[in-house]
Amino acid sequence: MLEQKQVELTQIQAKKQEAESINKQQAELLRKKQSELEEMQTKMENTNLISKQQAESLRKKQAELTEIQAKKQEAESVNKQQAELLRKKQTELTEMQTQIENMNLIREQQAESLRKKQTELTEIQARKQEAESVNKQQTELLRKKQTELTEMQTQIENMNLIREQQAELLEMRQAELFALKNEVIPLVPKQKTVWSALPCGFLFDEKHGILRDENGLPVSLKTNSLRLFHAFVNAENYRLSYKEICTDVLIRSIKGGVDQSCRESVSMAIHRLKECLKPFSCIEIISIRGSGYQMVFSNYQNDTTLAGKSD
């Protein structure tokens, strides 16, 4: 489109130059004719002999002069139109050049923006590759840690199993110790059974370690579980502290307060007693935070105090 405008501008300029050349020729011709007319008028004035031929010639010259002047005016009008058209074309050309310059500027800006985006993309891709590499390392590290955790869990489970076995062995040793200290009275055949009444209709044979509900369902308690239950039912409000359980039930000496090892031993003894009492849903052993444990009979009324009875 720009080339077409330039071609039109060139054509208009050529026409303008041609018109200017014609104007010069006509102006020169007009000057000559005026000069001839003046000479002829001078001759007519000097000789005062104007013939019909000269008058006709003068009329023709004047007609030619009038025609030349009309052509000159027409050419000037055409020149004005061409000059206006040329001005418009030049304005259009200037506008198009401005638009082209703006487009070139925008294209340069877009090229610069594209270069920056490509640089950013390259950086992002590099970061992505780096992150993927780090992710692989972290995945491998996580896998190793999970393997180590699994191994540690297995070791802990084995240690817990060993500790339970040791606790069971300790209970057996403590039972033997109680027997040696005459704290456990051996069973005597055909001896009268004495039952102690407990809340919710429970009966407890302290001597033989038998607990039964009002329906006659019996549960046999032995070793630490028996001593722990006996300690609960004889304690005020059925409540025992960590220290009482350690010293009176588990026969452990305490120096400097109850430590973590003592708490773990107490927790294990409580757990075993709970397992024994599972058939009786109305008996619960609850933890008293930072203090110890309490046995709770769900249907127990505070004023229920029943004396023992015999079979």
Protein backbone atom coordinates (compact mmCIF):
# COMPACT_ATOMS: atom_id res chain seq x y z
CA MET A 1 0.00 0.00 0.00
CA LEU A 2 2.89 2.35 0.80
CA GLU A 3 4.50 1.65 -2.56
CA GLN A 4 1.21 2.45 -4.32
CA LYS A 5 0.99 5.78 -2.48
CA GLN A 6 4.57 6.59 -3.43
CA VAL A 7 3.83 5.82 -7.11
CA GLU A 8 0.77 8.12 -7.01
CA LEU A 9 2.84 10.84 -5.38
CA THR A 10 5.49 10.48 -8.10
CA GLN A 11 2.83 10.76 -10.82
CA ILE A 12 1.32 13.84 -9.21
CA GLN A 13 4.74 15.47 -8.92
CA ALA A 14 5.42 14.70 -12.61
CA LYS A 15 2.08 16.26 -13.58
CA LYS A 16 2.84 19.27 -11.43
CA GLN A 17 6.26 19.71 -13.10
CA GLU A 18 4.64 19.33 -16.53
CA ALA A 19 1.98 21.90 -15.61
CA GLU A 20 4.67 24.28 -14.33
CA SER A 21 6.59 23.84 -17.61
CA ILE A 22 3.41 24.62 -19.60
CA ASN A 23 2.79 27.69 -17.43
CA LYS A 24 6.28 28.94 -18.14
CA GLN A 25 5.79 28.44 -21.88
CA GLN A 26 2.41 30.16 -21.79
CA ALA A 27 3.81 33.00 -19.72
CA GLU A 28 6.63 33.43 -22.22
CA LEU A 29 4.17 33.30 -25.09
CA LEU A 30 1.92 35.82 -23.33
CA ARG A 31 4.87 38.10 -22.79
CA LYS A 32 5.76 37.85 -26.46
CA LYS A 33 2.21 38.48 -27.55
CA GLN A 34 1.94 41.47 -25.27
CA SER A 35 5.17 42.75 -26.68
CA GLU A 36 3.90 42.28 -30.23
CA LEU A 37 0.62 43.95 -29.33
CA GLU A 38 2.45 46.88 -27.86
CA GLU A 39 4.60 47.12 -30.97
CA MET A 40 1.58 46.98 -33.19
CA GLN A 41 -0.25 49.58 -31.12
CA THR A 42 2.83 51.76 -31.28
CA LYS A 43 2.95 51.29 -35.02
CA MET A 44 -0.74 52.14 -35.27
CA GLU A 45 -0.24 55.23 -33.17
CA ASN A 46 2.80 56.27 -35.11
CA THR A 47 1.45 55.60 -38.55
CA ASN A 48 -2.21 56.06 -37.68
CA LEU A 49 -2.78 53.66 -40.55
CA ILE A 50 -4.74 50.86 -39.26
CA SER A 51 -5.98 48.56 -41.92
CA LYS A 52 -8.77 46.10 -41.76
CA GLN A 53 -6.26 43.29 -41.92
CA GLN A 54 -4.34 44.75 -39.00
CA ALA A 55 -7.58 45.27 -37.08
CA GLU A 56 -8.54 41.67 -37.82
CA SER A 57 -5.05 40.60 -36.81
CA LEU A 58 -5.36 42.66 -33.67
CA ARG A 59 -8.71 41.07 -32.91
CA LYS A 60 -7.26 37.62 -33.41
CA LYS A 61 -4.28 38.46 -31.25
CA GLN A 62 -6.62 39.72 -28.56
CA ALA A 63 -8.73 36.56 -28.93
CA GLU A 64 -5.60 34.45 -28.67
CA LEU A 65 -4.51 36.51 -25.68
CA THR A 66 -7.89 35.96 -24.01
CA GLU A 67 -7.73 32.24 -24.75
CA ILE A 68 -4.18 32.05 -23.42
CA GLN A 69 -5.23 33.87 -20.26
CA ALA A 70 -8.19 31.47 -19.85
CA LYS A 71 -5.83 28.52 -20.30
CA LYS A 72 -3.43 30.04 -17.82
CA GLN A 73 -6.24 30.46 -15.29
CA GLU A 74 -7.39 26.89 -15.95
CA ALA A 75 -3.82 25.64 -15.55
CA GLU A 76 -3.50 27.60 -12.29
CA SER A 77 -6.77 26.04 -11.06
CA VAL A 78 -5.48 22.60 -12.06
CA ASN A 79 -2.21 23.37 -10.30
CA LYS A 80 -4.11 24.30 -7.12
CA GLN A 81 -6.09 21.06 -7.26
CA GLN A 82 -2.95 19.06 -7.91
CA ALA A 83 -1.14 20.91 -5.13
CA GLU A 84 -4.02 20.15 -2.73
CA LEU A 85 -4.05 16.52 -3.87
CA LEU A 86 -0.29 16.40 -3.50
CA ARG A 87 -0.61 17.85 0.04
CA LYS A 88 -3.21 15.23 0.93
CA LYS A 89 -1.08 12.45 -0.51
CA GLN A 90 1.94 13.71 1.39
CA THR A 91 -0.16 13.83 4.58
CA GLU A 92 -1.35 10.28 3.96
CA LEU A 93 2.21 9.21 3.23
CA THR A 94 3.41 10.85 6.45
CA GLU A 95 0.66 9.14 8.43
CA MET A 96 1.51 5.79 6.87
CA GLN A 97 5.20 6.29 7.62
CA THR A 98 4.27 7.14 11.21
CA GLN A 99 2.12 4.02 11.43
CA ILE A 100 4.94 1.93 9.98
CA GLU A 101 7.37 3.43 12.50
CA ASN A 102 4.91 2.69 15.31
CA MET A 103 4.45 -0.86 14.04
CA ASN A 104 8.23 -1.30 13.85
CA LEU A 105 8.52 0.03 17.40
CA ILE A 106 5.77 -2.34 18.59
CA ARG A 107 7.44 -5.21 16.76
CA GLU A 108 10.75 -4.39 18.43
CA GLN A 109 9.02 -4.22 21.81
CA GLN A 110 7.30 -7.53 21.13
CA ALA A 111 10.61 -9.06 20.04
CA GLU A 112 12.23 -7.79 23.26
CA SER A 113 9.30 -9.13 25.29
CA LEU A 114 9.55 -12.47 23.48
CA ARG A 115 13.27 -12.61 24.24
CA LYS A 116 12.60 -11.93 27.93
CA LYS A 117 9.85 -14.57 28.01
CA GLN A 118 12.18 -17.09 26.38
CA THR A 119 14.85 -16.25 28.97
CA GLU A 120 12.30 -16.66 31.78
CA LEU A 121 11.12 -19.95 30.25
CA THR A 122 14.70 -21.20 30.10
CA GLU A 123 15.20 -20.24 33.76
CA ILE A 124 11.91 -21.91 34.76
CA GLN A 125 12.86 -25.08 32.88
CA ALA A 126 16.25 -25.08 34.60
CA ARG A 127 14.55 -24.61 37.99
CA LYS A 128 12.05 -27.35 37.13
CA GLN A 129 14.86 -29.75 36.27
CA GLU A 130 16.64 -28.79 39.49
CA ALA A 131 13.42 -29.28 41.47
CA GLU A 132 12.86 -32.67 39.82
CA SER A 133 16.39 -33.65 40.75
CA VAL A 134 15.80 -32.50 44.34
CA ASN A 135 12.44 -34.34 44.37
CA LYS A 136 14.17 -37.53 43.28
CA GLN A 137 16.73 -37.12 46.03
CA GLN A 138 14.01 -36.37 48.57
CA THR A 139 11.98 -39.36 47.36
CA GLU A 140 14.99 -41.60 47.76
CA LEU A 141 15.69 -40.09 51.19
CA LEU A 142 12.01 -40.55 52.15
CA ARG A 143 12.14 -44.16 51.03
CA LYS A 144 15.25 -44.72 53.14
CA LYS A 145 13.65 -43.00 56.14
CA GLN A 146 10.50 -45.08 55.72
CA THR A 147 12.64 -48.22 55.60
CA GLU A 148 14.47 -47.08 58.73
CA LEU A 149 11.14 -46.25 60.39
CA THR A 150 9.76 -49.67 59.52
CA GLU A 151 12.86 -51.29 60.96
CA MET A 152 12.60 -49.15 64.10
CA GLN A 153 8.90 -50.03 64.47
CA THR A 154 9.79 -53.69 64.14
CA GLN A 155 12.50 -53.28 66.77
CA ILE A 156 10.06 -51.43 69.07
CA GLU A 157 7.47 -54.17 68.63
CA ASN A 158 10.10 -56.77 69.45
CA MET A 159 11.19 -54.71 72.48
CA ASN A 160 7.57 -54.40 73.62
CA LEU A 161 7.13 -58.14 73.25
CA ILE A 162 10.31 -58.73 75.25
CA ARG A 163 9.18 -56.20 77.86
CA GLU A 164 5.80 -57.92 78.20
CA GLN A 165 7.54 -61.25 78.63
CA GLN A 166 9.84 -59.71 81.21
CA ALA A 167 6.86 -58.11 82.99
CA GLU A 168 5.12 -61.48 83.06
CA LEU A 169 8.28 -63.03 84.42
CA LEU A 170 8.52 -60.21 86.99
CA GLU A 171 4.95 -60.86 88.10
CA MET A 172 5.79 -64.50 88.58
CA ARG A 173 8.86 -63.59 90.59
CA GLN A 174 6.84 -61.11 92.66
CA ALA A 175 4.22 -63.81 93.30
CA GLU A 176 6.97 -66.12 94.48
CA LEU A 177 8.30 -63.32 96.69
CA PHE A 178 4.84 -62.79 98.18
CA ALA A 179 4.57 -66.50 98.85
CA LEU A 180 7.91 -66.42 100.65
CA LYS A 181 6.74 -63.47 102.75
CA ASN A 182 3.52 -65.30 103.64
CA GLU A 183 1.50 -62.50 102.00
CA VAL A 184 -0.28 -65.04 99.82
CA ILE A 185 -2.22 -67.57 101.89
CA PRO A 186 -2.23 -71.00 100.27
CA LEU A 187 -5.58 -72.56 99.47
CA VAL A 188 -6.92 -74.93 102.14
CA PRO A 189 -9.30 -77.62 100.88
CA LYS A 190 -12.83 -77.54 102.19
CA GLN A 191 -12.30 -74.17 103.81
CA LYS A 192 -15.30 -71.86 104.09
CA THR A 193 -15.41 -69.13 101.39
CA VAL A 194 -15.96 -65.58 102.60
CA TRP A 195 -17.41 -63.11 100.10
CA SER A 196 -17.09 -59.36 100.37
CA ALA A 197 -19.97 -57.37 98.90
CA LEU A 198 -19.10 -54.67 96.35
CA PRO A 199 -21.31 -52.13 94.54
CA CYS A 200 -23.55 -53.24 91.67
CA GLY A 201 -24.11 -56.64 93.26
CA PHE A 202 -20.51 -57.86 92.88
CA LEU A 203 -19.01 -60.36 95.34
CA PHE A 204 -15.29 -60.69 95.89
CA ASP A 205 -13.44 -63.60 97.45
CA GLU A 206 -10.20 -62.00 98.52
CA LYS A 207 -8.68 -65.26 99.66
CA HIS A 208 -9.08 -67.13 96.39
CA GLY A 209 -9.10 -64.14 94.05
CA ILE A 210 -12.59 -64.78 92.67
CA LEU A 211 -14.85 -61.93 91.54
CA ARG A 212 -18.41 -62.62 90.41
CA ASP A 213 -21.38 -60.53 89.46
CA GLU A 214 -24.98 -60.78 90.67
CA ASN A 215 -25.67 -63.37 87.96
CA GLY A 216 -22.91 -65.62 89.30
CA LEU A 217 -20.44 -65.04 86.45
CA PRO A 218 -16.98 -65.60 87.99
CA VAL A 219 -13.61 -64.14 87.04
CA SER A 220 -10.39 -65.40 88.56
CA LEU A 221 -7.72 -62.80 89.42
CA LYS A 222 -4.11 -63.78 89.98
CA THR A 223 -0.75 -62.28 90.95
CA ASN A 224 -0.48 -58.53 90.26
CA SER A 225 -4.06 -58.25 88.95
CA LEU A 226 -5.38 -59.78 92.19
CA ARG A 227 -3.25 -57.53 94.40
CA LEU A 228 -4.14 -54.45 92.34
CA PHE A 229 -7.91 -55.18 92.50
CA HIS A 230 -7.63 -55.85 96.24
CA ALA A 231 -5.80 -52.52 96.69
CA PHE A 232 -8.50 -50.65 94.74
CA VAL A 233 -11.48 -52.06 96.70
CA ASN A 234 -9.75 -51.28 99.99
CA ALA A 235 -8.67 -47.76 99.03
CA GLU A 236 -10.70 -44.65 99.84
CA ASN A 237 -13.06 -43.86 96.94
CA TYR A 238 -11.40 -46.77 95.11
CA ARG A 239 -8.53 -44.42 94.19
CA LEU A 240 -4.79 -45.29 94.09
CA SER A 241 -1.77 -43.12 93.35
CA TYR A 242 1.18 -44.14 91.17
CA LYS A 243 3.32 -44.43 94.29
CA GLU A 244 0.83 -46.68 96.09
CA ILE A 245 0.60 -49.02 93.13
CA CYS A 246 4.39 -49.17 92.76
CA THR A 247 5.19 -49.79 96.41
CA ASP A 248 2.16 -51.79 97.63
CA VAL A 249 1.23 -53.78 94.51
CA LEU A 250 4.36 -54.04 92.33
CA ILE A 251 6.75 -54.05 95.34
CA ARG A 252 9.11 -51.53 93.78
CA SER A 253 11.26 -49.20 95.81
CA ILE A 254 10.94 -45.53 94.85
CA LYS A 255 13.81 -43.12 95.29
CA GLY A 256 13.36 -39.51 94.24
CA GLY A 257 9.74 -39.86 93.11
CA VAL A 258 7.87 -41.86 90.48
CA ASP A 259 9.92 -42.04 87.26
CA GLN A 260 8.93 -42.97 83.72
CA SER A 261 9.85 -46.61 84.24
CA CYS A 262 7.50 -46.84 87.23
CA ARG A 263 4.69 -45.20 85.27
CA GLU A 264 5.12 -47.71 82.43
CA SER A 265 5.01 -50.64 84.87
CA VAL A 266 1.86 -49.24 86.50
CA SER A 267 0.24 -48.70 83.10
CA MET A 268 0.97 -52.29 82.11
CA ALA A 269 -0.48 -53.65 85.37
CA ILE A 270 -3.62 -51.52 84.91
CA HIS A 271 -3.95 -52.81 81.35
CA ARG A 272 -3.82 -56.44 82.50
CA LEU A 273 -6.42 -55.82 85.19
CA LYS A 274 -8.73 -54.17 82.64
CA GLU A 275 -8.36 -57.24 80.40
CA CYS A 276 -9.43 -59.44 83.33
CA LEU A 277 -12.46 -57.22 84.06
CA LYS A 278 -13.69 -57.05 80.47
CA PRO A 279 -16.69 -59.37 81.16
CA PHE A 280 -18.00 -56.76 83.63
CA SER A 281 -18.89 -53.64 81.66
CA CYS A 282 -20.03 -51.69 84.72
CA ILE A 283 -16.53 -51.71 86.26
CA GLU A 284 -14.17 -49.10 84.79
CA ILE A 285 -10.65 -48.00 85.70
CA ILE A 286 -10.07 -44.38 84.73
CA SER A 287 -6.85 -42.39 84.70
CA ILE A 288 -6.52 -39.39 87.00
CA ARG A 289 -4.14 -37.09 85.18
CA GLY A 290 -0.80 -36.77 86.96
CA SER A 291 -2.07 -38.59 90.03
CA GLY A 292 -2.98 -42.21 89.48
CA TYR A 293 -6.10 -44.32 88.77
CA GLN A 294 -9.61 -44.81 90.14
CA MET A 295 -11.97 -47.79 89.91
CA VAL A 296 -15.52 -46.74 89.08
CA PHE A 297 -18.71 -48.81 89.43
CA SER A 298 -21.22 -47.29 87.01
CA ASN A 299 -24.30 -48.07 89.17
CA TYR A 300 -22.57 -47.28 92.44
CA GLN A 301 -24.32 -45.01 94.98
CA ASN A 302 -22.12 -43.21 97.50
CA ASP A 303 -24.14 -44.49 100.44
CA THR A 304 -23.80 -48.17 99.39
CA THR A 305 -21.68 -49.89 101.99
CA LEU A 306 -22.46 -53.55 102.33
CA ALA A 307 -21.04 -55.93 104.93
CA GLY A 308 -19.50 -59.23 103.91
CA LYS A 309 -21.60 -62.37 103.84
CA SER A 310 -20.88 -66.09 103.88
CA ASP A 311 -22.07 -68.96 101.73
